Amino acid sequence: MTCTKCNTWNPDDKTYCWRCQAELPKPQPKVEKKARTFAGLPTWMWLAMALIFIASFFGQCFMLPVGQ
């Protein structure tokens, strides 16, 4: 952490700057990014399954009879 008054580096566990004795800003807790899910599966997996289903559906609809 860097002191805002004298721009000196300080360890994260300190509350006052070791050089100028100014109070250091409190560290902000890191917020973890949660994965987007629906019914227990990631959103990208639902999208992939939908694309596979649509591709197979249209593939079956437009198949031409062979050998007739």
PDB file of N, CA and C in Angstrom:
ATOM      1  N   MET A   1       0.850  -1.170   0.000  1.00  0.00           N
ATOM      2  CA  MET A   1       0.000   0.000   0.000  1.00  0.00           C
ATOM      3  C   MET A   1       0.896   1.233   0.000  1.00  0.00           C
ATOM      4  N   THR A   2       0.517   2.229  -0.731  1.00  0.00           N
ATOM      5  CA  THR A   2       1.301   3.458  -0.841  1.00  0.00           C
ATOM      6  C   THR A   2       0.629   4.575  -0.049  1.00  0.00           C
ATOM      7  N   CYS A   3       1.440   5.318   0.674  1.00  0.00           N
ATOM      8  CA  CYS A   3       0.936   6.450   1.456  1.00  0.00           C
ATOM      9  C   CYS A   3       0.466   7.549   0.507  1.00  0.00           C
ATOM     10  N   THR A   4      -0.686   8.100   0.784  1.00  0.00           N
ATOM     11  CA  THR A   4      -1.228   9.163  -0.070  1.00  0.00           C
ATOM     12  C   THR A   4      -0.547  10.509   0.192  1.00  0.00           C
ATOM     13  N   LYS A   5       0.119  10.642   1.334  1.00  0.00           N
ATOM     14  CA  LYS A   5       0.754  11.912   1.677  1.00  0.00           C
ATOM     15  C   LYS A   5       2.197  12.007   1.164  1.00  0.00           C
ATOM     16  N   CYS A   6       3.015  10.951   1.415  1.00  0.00           N
ATOM     17  CA  CYS A   6       4.425  11.018   1.034  1.00  0.00           C
ATOM     18  C   CYS A   6       4.801  10.028  -0.068  1.00  0.00           C
ATOM     19  N   ASN A   7       3.848   9.243  -0.526  1.00  0.00           N
ATOM     20  CA  ASN A   7       4.038   8.300  -1.632  1.00  0.00           C
ATOM     21  C   ASN A   7       5.074   7.216  -1.303  1.00  0.00           C
ATOM     22  N   THR A   8       5.101   6.790  -0.037  1.00  0.00           N
ATOM     23  CA  THR A   8       6.011   5.746   0.422  1.00  0.00           C
ATOM     24  C   THR A   8       5.258   4.430   0.517  1.00  0.00           C
ATOM     25  N   TRP A   9       5.926   3.329   0.086  1.00  0.00           N
ATOM     26  CA  TRP A   9       5.310   2.022   0.175  1.00  0.00           C
ATOM     27  C   TRP A   9       5.266   1.563   1.622  1.00  0.00           C
ATOM     28  N   ASN A  10       4.138   0.949   2.008  1.00  0.00           N
ATOM     29  CA  ASN A  10       3.958   0.397   3.345  1.00  0.00           C
ATOM     30  C   ASN A  10       3.348  -1.000   3.218  1.00  0.00           C
ATOM     31  N   PRO A  11       3.684  -1.905   4.141  1.00  0.00           N
ATOM     32  CA  PRO A  11       3.055  -3.229   4.112  1.00  0.00           C
ATOM     33  C   PRO A  11       1.541  -3.106   4.298  1.00  0.00           C
ATOM     34  N   ASP A  12       0.822  -4.094   3.791  1.00  0.00           N
ATOM     35  CA  ASP A  12      -0.642  -4.047   3.837  1.00  0.00           C
ATOM     36  C   ASP A  12      -1.212  -4.105   5.247  1.00  0.00           C
ATOM     37  N   ASP A  13      -0.473  -4.667   6.200  1.00  0.00           N
ATOM     38  CA  ASP A  13      -1.013  -4.807   7.555  1.00  0.00           C
ATOM     39  C   ASP A  13      -0.839  -3.543   8.410  1.00  0.00           C
ATOM     40  N   LYS A  14      -0.180  -2.525   7.890  1.00  0.00           N
ATOM     41  CA  LYS A  14       0.051  -1.287   8.649  1.00  0.00           C
ATOM     42  C   LYS A  14      -1.120  -0.327   8.490  1.00  0.00           C
ATOM     43  N   THR A  15      -1.387   0.443   9.555  1.00  0.00           N
ATOM     44  CA  THR A  15      -2.458   1.442   9.501  1.00  0.00           C
ATOM     45  C   THR A  15      -1.906   2.865   9.417  1.00  0.00           C
ATOM     46  N   TYR A  16      -0.590   3.032   9.748  1.00  0.00           N
ATOM     47  CA  TYR A  16       0.049   4.343   9.668  1.00  0.00           C
ATOM     48  C   TYR A  16       1.330   4.223   8.853  1.00  0.00           C
ATOM     49  N   CYS A  17       1.646   5.265   8.093  1.00  0.00           N
ATOM     50  CA  CYS A  17       2.860   5.292   7.288  1.00  0.00           C
ATOM     51  C   CYS A  17       4.079   5.303   8.202  1.00  0.00           C
ATOM     52  N   TRP A  18       5.087   4.495   7.866  1.00  0.00           N
ATOM     53  CA  TRP A  18       6.283   4.433   8.708  1.00  0.00           C
ATOM     54  C   TRP A  18       7.146   5.679   8.579  1.00  0.00           C
ATOM     55  N   ARG A  19       7.007   6.427   7.479  1.00  0.00           N
ATOM     56  CA  ARG A  19       7.837   7.603   7.271  1.00  0.00           C
ATOM     57  C   ARG A  19       7.186   8.880   7.818  1.00  0.00           C
ATOM     58  N   CYS A  20       5.943   9.160   7.446  1.00  0.00           N
ATOM     59  CA  CYS A  20       5.323  10.440   7.841  1.00  0.00           C
ATOM     60  C   CYS A  20       4.244  10.276   8.912  1.00  0.00           C
ATOM     61  N   GLN A  21       3.949   9.061   9.308  1.00  0.00           N
ATOM     62  CA  GLN A  21       2.976   8.747  10.349  1.00  0.00           C
ATOM     63  C   GLN A  21       1.543   9.162   9.991  1.00  0.00           C
ATOM     64  N   ALA A  22       1.283   9.329   8.705  1.00  0.00           N
ATOM     65  CA  ALA A  22      -0.086   9.641   8.268  1.00  0.00           C
ATOM     66  C   ALA A  22      -0.901   8.350   8.264  1.00  0.00           C
ATOM     67  N   GLU A  23      -2.193   8.509   8.518  1.00  0.00           N
ATOM     68  CA  GLU A  23      -3.060   7.328   8.512  1.00  0.00           C
ATOM     69  C   GLU A  23      -3.245   6.845   7.078  1.00  0.00           C
ATOM     70  N   LEU A  24      -3.080   5.532   6.893  1.00  0.00           N
ATOM     71  CA  LEU A  24      -3.212   4.943   5.560  1.00  0.00           C
ATOM     72  C   LEU A  24      -4.674   4.601   5.281  1.00  0.00           C
ATOM     73  N   PRO A  25      -5.078   4.679   4.024  1.00  0.00           N
ATOM     74  CA  PRO A  25      -6.450   4.297   3.695  1.00  0.00           C
ATOM     75  C   PRO A  25      -6.655   2.798   3.937  1.00  0.00           C
ATOM     76  N   LYS A  26      -7.841   2.450   4.330  1.00  0.00           N
ATOM     77  CA  LYS A  26      -8.141   1.052   4.587  1.00  0.00           C
ATOM     78  C   LYS A  26      -8.239   0.288   3.267  1.00  0.00           C
ATOM     79  N   PRO A  27      -7.649  -0.910   3.196  1.00  0.00           N
ATOM     80  CA  PRO A  27      -7.721  -1.679   1.951  1.00  0.00           C
ATOM     81  C   PRO A  27      -9.144  -2.150   1.680  1.00  0.00           C
ATOM     82  N   GLN A  28      -9.532  -2.081   0.416  1.00  0.00           N
ATOM     83  CA  GLN A  28     -10.865  -2.511   0.015  1.00  0.00           C
ATOM     84  C   GLN A  28     -10.870  -4.026  -0.171  1.00  0.00           C
ATOM     85  N   PRO A  29     -11.871  -4.705   0.380  1.00  0.00           N
ATOM     86  CA  PRO A  29     -11.913  -6.161   0.184  1.00  0.00           C
ATOM     87  C   PRO A  29     -12.189  -6.491  -1.278  1.00  0.00           C
ATOM     88  N   LYS A  30     -11.525  -7.534  -1.761  1.00  0.00           N
ATOM     89  CA  LYS A  30     -11.707  -7.942  -3.149  1.00  0.00           C
ATOM     90  C   LYS A  30     -13.008  -8.712  -3.278  1.00  0.00           C
ATOM     91  N   VAL A  31     -13.796  -8.331  -4.267  1.00  0.00           N
ATOM     92  CA  VAL A  31     -15.067  -8.987  -4.506  1.00  0.00           C
ATOM     93  C   VAL A  31     -14.854 -10.045  -5.576  1.00  0.00           C
ATOM     94  N   GLU A  32     -15.228 -11.277  -5.253  1.00  0.00           N
ATOM     95  CA  GLU A  32     -15.074 -12.362  -6.214  1.00  0.00           C
ATOM     96  C   GLU A  32     -16.205 -12.317  -7.226  1.00  0.00           C
ATOM     97  N   LYS A  33     -15.835 -12.513  -8.465  1.00  0.00           N
ATOM     98  CA  LYS A  33     -16.811 -12.515  -9.537  1.00  0.00           C
ATOM     99  C   LYS A  33     -17.467 -13.889  -9.602  1.00  0.00           C
ATOM    100  N   LYS A  34     -18.780 -13.915  -9.471  1.00  0.00           N
ATOM    101  CA  LYS A  34     -19.493 -15.183  -9.508  1.00  0.00           C
ATOM    102  C   LYS A  34     -19.836 -15.540 -10.946  1.00  0.00           C
ATOM    103  N   ALA A  35     -19.719 -16.818 -11.245  1.00  0.00           N
ATOM    104  CA  ALA A  35     -20.034 -17.292 -12.583  1.00  0.00           C
ATOM    105  C   ALA A  35     -21.552 -17.264 -12.782  1.00  0.00           C
ATOM    106  N   ARG A  36     -21.967 -16.888 -13.972  1.00  0.00           N
ATOM    107  CA  ARG A  36     -23.392 -16.870 -14.281  1.00  0.00           C
ATOM    108  C   ARG A  36     -23.840 -18.293 -14.570  1.00  0.00           C
ATOM    109  N   THR A  37     -24.836 -18.748 -13.834  1.00  0.00           N
ATOM    110  CA  THR A  37     -25.330 -20.106 -14.025  1.00  0.00           C
ATOM    111  C   THR A  37     -26.840 -20.095 -14.145  1.00  0.00           C
ATOM    112  N   PHE A  38     -27.349 -21.158 -14.752  1.00  0.00           N
ATOM    113  CA  PHE A  38     -28.786 -21.383 -14.834  1.00  0.00           C
ATOM    114  C   PHE A  38     -28.991 -22.876 -14.669  1.00  0.00           C
ATOM    115  N   ALA A  39     -29.764 -23.272 -13.684  1.00  0.00           N
ATOM    116  CA  ALA A  39     -30.034 -24.678 -13.383  1.00  0.00           C
ATOM    117  C   ALA A  39     -28.741 -25.464 -13.178  1.00  0.00           C
ATOM    118  N   GLY A  40     -27.755 -24.850 -12.566  1.00  0.00           N
ATOM    119  CA  GLY A  40     -26.520 -25.534 -12.225  1.00  0.00           C
ATOM    120  C   GLY A  40     -25.473 -25.586 -13.313  1.00  0.00           C
ATOM    121  N   LEU A  41     -25.761 -25.130 -14.515  1.00  0.00           N
ATOM    122  CA  LEU A  41     -24.793 -25.148 -15.605  1.00  0.00           C
ATOM    123  C   LEU A  41     -24.424 -23.722 -15.988  1.00  0.00           C
ATOM    124  N   PRO A  42     -23.177 -23.514 -16.427  1.00  0.00           N
ATOM    125  CA  PRO A  42     -22.784 -22.173 -16.872  1.00  0.00           C
ATOM    126  C   PRO A  42     -23.593 -21.744 -18.099  1.00  0.00           C
ATOM    127  N   THR A  43     -23.760 -20.452 -18.238  1.00  0.00           N
ATOM    128  CA  THR A  43     -24.548 -19.903 -19.340  1.00  0.00           C
ATOM    129  C   THR A  43     -23.978 -20.300 -20.692  1.00  0.00           C
ATOM    130  N   TRP A  44     -22.648 -20.339 -20.817  1.00  0.00           N
ATOM    131  CA  TRP A  44     -22.037 -20.686 -22.102  1.00  0.00           C
ATOM    132  C   TRP A  44     -22.382 -22.111 -22.507  1.00  0.00           C
ATOM    133  N   MET A  45     -22.578 -23.013 -21.523  1.00  0.00           N
ATOM    134  CA  MET A  45     -22.917 -24.389 -21.861  1.00  0.00           C
ATOM    135  C   MET A  45     -24.353 -24.474 -22.385  1.00  0.00           C
ATOM    136  N   TRP A  46     -25.263 -23.705 -21.801  1.00  0.00           N
ATOM    137  CA  TRP A  46     -26.639 -23.667 -22.300  1.00  0.00           C
ATOM    138  C   TRP A  46     -26.667 -23.141 -23.734  1.00  0.00           C
ATOM    139  N   LEU A  47     -25.874 -22.123 -24.004  1.00  0.00           N
ATOM    140  CA  LEU A  47     -25.811 -21.557 -25.348  1.00  0.00           C
ATOM    141  C   LEU A  47     -25.262 -22.576 -26.346  1.00  0.00           C
ATOM    142  N   ALA A  48     -24.210 -23.298 -25.949  1.00  0.00           N
ATOM    143  CA  ALA A  48     -23.634 -24.322 -26.832  1.00  0.00           C
ATOM    144  C   ALA A  48     -24.647 -25.427 -27.120  1.00  0.00           C
ATOM    145  N   MET A  49     -25.374 -25.868 -26.099  1.00  0.00           N
ATOM    146  CA  MET A  49     -26.380 -26.917 -26.314  1.00  0.00           C
ATOM    147  C   MET A  49     -27.502 -26.434 -27.215  1.00  0.00           C
ATOM    148  N   ALA A  50     -27.913 -25.179 -27.057  1.00  0.00           N
ATOM    149  CA  ALA A  50     -28.965 -24.626 -27.910  1.00  0.00           C
ATOM    150  C   ALA A  50     -28.500 -24.554 -29.363  1.00  0.00           C
ATOM    151  N   LEU A  51     -27.261 -24.138 -29.585  1.00  0.00           N
ATOM    152  CA  LEU A  51     -26.736 -24.066 -30.952  1.00  0.00           C
ATOM    153  C   LEU A  51     -26.646 -25.454 -31.587  1.00  0.00           C
ATOM    154  N   ILE A  52     -26.229 -26.450 -30.822  1.00  0.00           N
ATOM    155  CA  ILE A  52     -26.156 -27.818 -31.343  1.00  0.00           C
ATOM    156  C   ILE A  52     -27.552 -28.317 -31.699  1.00  0.00           C
ATOM    157  N   PHE A  53     -28.525 -28.056 -30.833  1.00  0.00           N
ATOM    158  CA  PHE A  53     -29.904 -28.476 -31.097  1.00  0.00           C
ATOM    159  C   PHE A  53     -30.444 -27.801 -32.356  1.00  0.00           C
ATOM    160  N   ILE A  54     -30.243 -26.511 -32.483  1.00  0.00           N
ATOM    161  CA  ILE A  54     -30.739 -25.776 -33.653  1.00  0.00           C
ATOM    162  C   ILE A  54     -30.068 -26.278 -34.922  1.00  0.00           C
ATOM    163  N   ALA A  55     -28.756 -26.518 -34.877  1.00  0.00           N
ATOM    164  CA  ALA A  55     -28.038 -27.004 -36.047  1.00  0.00           C
ATOM    165  C   ALA A  55     -28.533 -28.394 -36.448  1.00  0.00           C
ATOM    166  N   SER A  56     -28.765 -29.260 -35.481  1.00  0.00           N
ATOM    167  CA  SER A  56     -29.242 -30.609 -35.823  1.00  0.00           C
ATOM    168  C   SER A  56     -30.680 -30.561 -36.321  1.00  0.00           C
ATOM    169  N   PHE A  57     -31.514 -29.681 -35.783  1.00  0.00           N
ATOM    170  CA  PHE A  57     -32.901 -29.561 -36.217  1.00  0.00           C
ATOM    171  C   PHE A  57     -32.978 -29.088 -37.671  1.00  0.00           C
ATOM    172  N   PHE A  58     -32.226 -28.037 -37.985  1.00  0.00           N
ATOM    173  CA  PHE A  58     -32.243 -27.531 -39.358  1.00  0.00           C
ATOM    174  C   PHE A  58     -31.543 -28.493 -40.320  1.00  0.00           C
ATOM    175  N   GLY A  59     -30.578 -29.228 -39.847  1.00  0.00           N
ATOM    176  CA  GLY A  59     -29.924 -30.225 -40.670  1.00  0.00           C
ATOM    177  C   GLY A  59     -30.886 -31.333 -41.060  1.00  0.00           C
ATOM    178  N   GLN A  60     -31.756 -31.725 -40.151  1.00  0.00           N
ATOM    179  CA  GLN A  60     -32.746 -32.767 -40.430  1.00  0.00           C
ATOM    180  C   GLN A  60     -33.860 -32.230 -41.332  1.00  0.00           C
ATOM    181  N   CYS A  61     -34.230 -31.001 -41.174  1.00  0.00           N
ATOM    182  CA  CYS A  61     -35.324 -30.426 -41.959  1.00  0.00           C
ATOM    183  C   CYS A  61     -34.961 -30.284 -43.437  1.00  0.00           C
ATOM    184  N   PHE A  62     -33.708 -29.985 -43.710  1.00  0.00           N
ATOM    185  CA  PHE A  62     -33.310 -29.709 -45.084  1.00  0.00           C
ATOM    186  C   PHE A  62     -32.559 -30.861 -45.752  1.00  0.00           C
ATOM    187  N   MET A  63     -32.599 -32.038 -45.137  1.00  0.00           N
ATOM    188  CA  MET A  63     -31.921 -33.190 -45.757  1.00  0.00           C
ATOM    189  C   MET A  63     -32.690 -33.636 -47.003  1.00  0.00           C
ATOM    190  N   LEU A  64     -31.972 -33.896 -48.020  1.00  0.00           N
ATOM    191  CA  LEU A  64     -32.584 -34.362 -49.269  1.00  0.00           C
ATOM    192  C   LEU A  64     -32.475 -35.883 -49.326  1.00  0.00           C
ATOM    193  N   PRO A  65     -33.498 -36.534 -49.853  1.00  0.00           N
ATOM    194  CA  PRO A  65     -33.418 -37.976 -49.991  1.00  0.00           C
ATOM    195  C   PRO A  65     -32.297 -38.362 -50.954  1.00  0.00           C
ATOM    196  N   VAL A  66     -31.552 -39.371 -50.612  1.00  0.00           N
ATOM    197  CA  VAL A  66     -30.414 -39.801 -51.407  1.00  0.00           C
ATOM    198  C   VAL A  66     -30.775 -41.051 -52.176  1.00  0.00           C
ATOM    199  N   GLY A  67     -30.449 -41.110 -53.460  1.00  0.00           N
ATOM    200  CA  GLY A  67     -30.630 -42.280 -54.282  1.00  0.00           C
ATOM    201  C   GLY A  67     -32.037 -42.466 -54.841  1.00  0.00           C
ATOM    202  N   GLN A  68     -32.813 -41.484 -54.894  1.00  0.00           N
ATOM    203  CA  GLN A  68     -34.164 -41.644 -55.459  1.00  0.00           C
ATOM    204  C   GLN A  68     -34.330 -40.830 -56.703  1.00  0.00           C
TER     205      GLN A  68
END
